[in-house]
Amino acid sequence: MSLQQKQKITNLLTICIKAGKLVKGYDSVCEALKGKSVYCVMTASDISAKTFKETEFMCRKYGTVLIPTELTKEDMERISGKQTAVAAVCDKGFADKFIELSN
């Protein structure tokens, strides 16, 4: 992922948060997945192997796209105000753009 691509993801994430369309934290993301209101899940680059595996399982179970990012947990904290390794996007338009940027 290029620096420009990482910056685009960061900018979009900021807008997504301001719009109230981002759920932060593993437990909150799992609850949102169960409620079927999630269009994609993003993970930090320094997520633990166990948490990544569990997140991957939940995404497969609920048919949701998983996007591993190059953002660290610190990056996520700087953007969202909460240190987190897992975040869920609850808006189709935002999710489509994140998926496009990750390819």
Protein backbone atom coordinates (compact mmCIF):
# COMPACT_ATOMS: atom_id res chain seq x y z
CA MET A 1 0.00 0.00 0.00
CA SER A 2 1.43 3.34 -1.00
CA LEU A 3 1.68 6.32 1.33
CA GLN A 4 -0.93 8.11 -0.81
CA GLN A 5 -3.31 5.14 -0.54
CA LYS A 6 -2.80 5.01 3.26
CA GLN A 7 -3.59 8.74 3.46
CA LYS A 8 -6.78 8.27 1.42
CA ILE A 9 -7.90 5.50 3.79
CA THR A 10 -7.07 7.72 6.78
CA ASN A 11 -9.07 10.63 5.32
CA LEU A 12 -12.06 8.42 4.50
CA LEU A 13 -11.91 6.88 7.98
CA THR A 14 -12.04 10.36 9.51
CA ILE A 15 -15.17 11.23 7.49
CA CYS A 16 -16.74 7.86 8.34
CA ILE A 17 -16.20 8.49 12.06
CA LYS A 18 -17.68 12.00 11.85
CA ALA A 19 -20.71 10.52 10.09
CA GLY A 20 -21.14 8.05 12.96
CA LYS A 21 -20.75 5.03 10.68
CA LEU A 22 -17.76 3.32 12.38
CA VAL A 23 -17.94 0.78 15.20
CA LYS A 24 -14.66 0.41 17.12
CA GLY A 25 -13.39 -2.53 19.16
CA TYR A 26 -13.61 -6.29 18.68
CA ASP A 27 -16.62 -6.91 20.97
CA SER A 28 -18.61 -4.01 19.51
CA VAL A 29 -17.79 -5.15 15.97
CA CYS A 30 -18.99 -8.69 16.75
CA GLU A 31 -22.28 -7.31 18.11
CA ALA A 32 -22.73 -5.16 14.99
CA LEU A 33 -21.99 -8.18 12.76
CA LYS A 34 -24.70 -10.17 14.55
CA GLY A 35 -27.09 -7.27 13.95
CA LYS A 36 -26.24 -7.45 10.24
CA SER A 37 -25.49 -3.74 10.03
CA VAL A 38 -21.84 -4.10 8.93
CA TYR A 39 -20.63 -3.81 5.32
CA CYS A 40 -16.89 -4.33 5.94
CA VAL A 41 -14.45 -4.82 8.79
CA MET A 42 -10.97 -3.32 8.91
CA THR A 43 -8.06 -4.48 11.01
CA ALA A 44 -4.89 -2.75 12.15
CA SER A 45 -1.53 -4.01 10.89
CA ASP A 46 -0.34 -4.82 14.42
CA ILE A 47 -3.41 -6.83 15.43
CA SER A 48 -2.63 -10.00 17.40
CA ALA A 49 -2.75 -13.25 15.42
CA LYS A 50 -5.50 -14.58 17.72
CA THR A 51 -7.72 -11.51 17.29
CA PHE A 52 -7.17 -11.49 13.53
CA LYS A 53 -8.14 -15.18 13.31
CA GLU A 54 -11.29 -14.60 15.40
CA THR A 55 -12.21 -11.53 13.35
CA GLU A 56 -11.66 -13.44 10.12
CA PHE A 57 -13.94 -16.23 11.41
CA MET A 58 -16.71 -13.78 12.34
CA CYS A 59 -16.50 -12.04 8.96
CA ARG A 60 -16.74 -15.37 7.13
CA LYS A 61 -19.66 -16.44 9.34
CA TYR A 62 -21.63 -13.27 8.53
CA GLY A 63 -20.45 -12.88 4.91
CA THR A 64 -18.69 -9.58 5.51
CA VAL A 65 -15.59 -8.31 3.70
CA LEU A 66 -12.42 -8.18 5.84
CA ILE A 67 -9.85 -5.51 4.97
CA PRO A 68 -6.43 -5.78 6.65
CA THR A 69 -4.97 -2.25 6.58
CA GLU A 70 -1.48 -0.88 7.08
CA LEU A 71 -2.77 1.41 9.81
CA THR A 72 -1.43 0.56 13.27
CA LYS A 73 -3.48 0.59 16.46
CA GLU A 74 -1.79 3.92 17.27
CA ASP A 75 -2.86 5.29 13.87
CA MET A 76 -6.43 4.19 14.60
CA GLU A 77 -6.27 5.90 18.01
CA ARG A 78 -4.98 9.13 16.45
CA ILE A 79 -7.86 9.06 13.93
CA SER A 80 -10.71 7.81 16.11
CA GLY A 81 -9.74 8.68 19.67
CA LYS A 82 -9.73 5.04 20.74
CA GLN A 83 -6.89 2.56 20.37
CA THR A 84 -8.38 -0.34 18.49
CA ALA A 85 -7.29 -3.14 16.20
CA VAL A 86 -10.74 -3.84 14.70
CA ALA A 87 -13.31 -1.44 13.23
CA ALA A 88 -16.55 -2.03 11.34
CA VAL A 89 -18.02 0.22 8.66
CA CYS A 90 -21.82 0.45 8.91
CA ASP A 91 -22.51 2.28 5.66
CA LYS A 92 -22.49 0.67 2.20
CA GLY A 93 -21.08 3.74 0.42
CA PHE A 94 -18.14 4.05 2.81
CA ALA A 95 -17.55 0.29 2.72
CA ASP A 96 -17.51 0.23 -1.08
CA LYS A 97 -14.90 3.01 -1.12
CA PHE A 98 -12.72 1.24 1.51
CA ILE A 99 -12.90 -1.96 -0.53
CA GLU A 100 -11.93 -0.04 -3.69
CA LEU A 101 -8.98 1.64 -1.92
CA SER A 102 -7.72 -1.65 -0.50
CA ASN A 103 -7.41 -3.30 -3.94
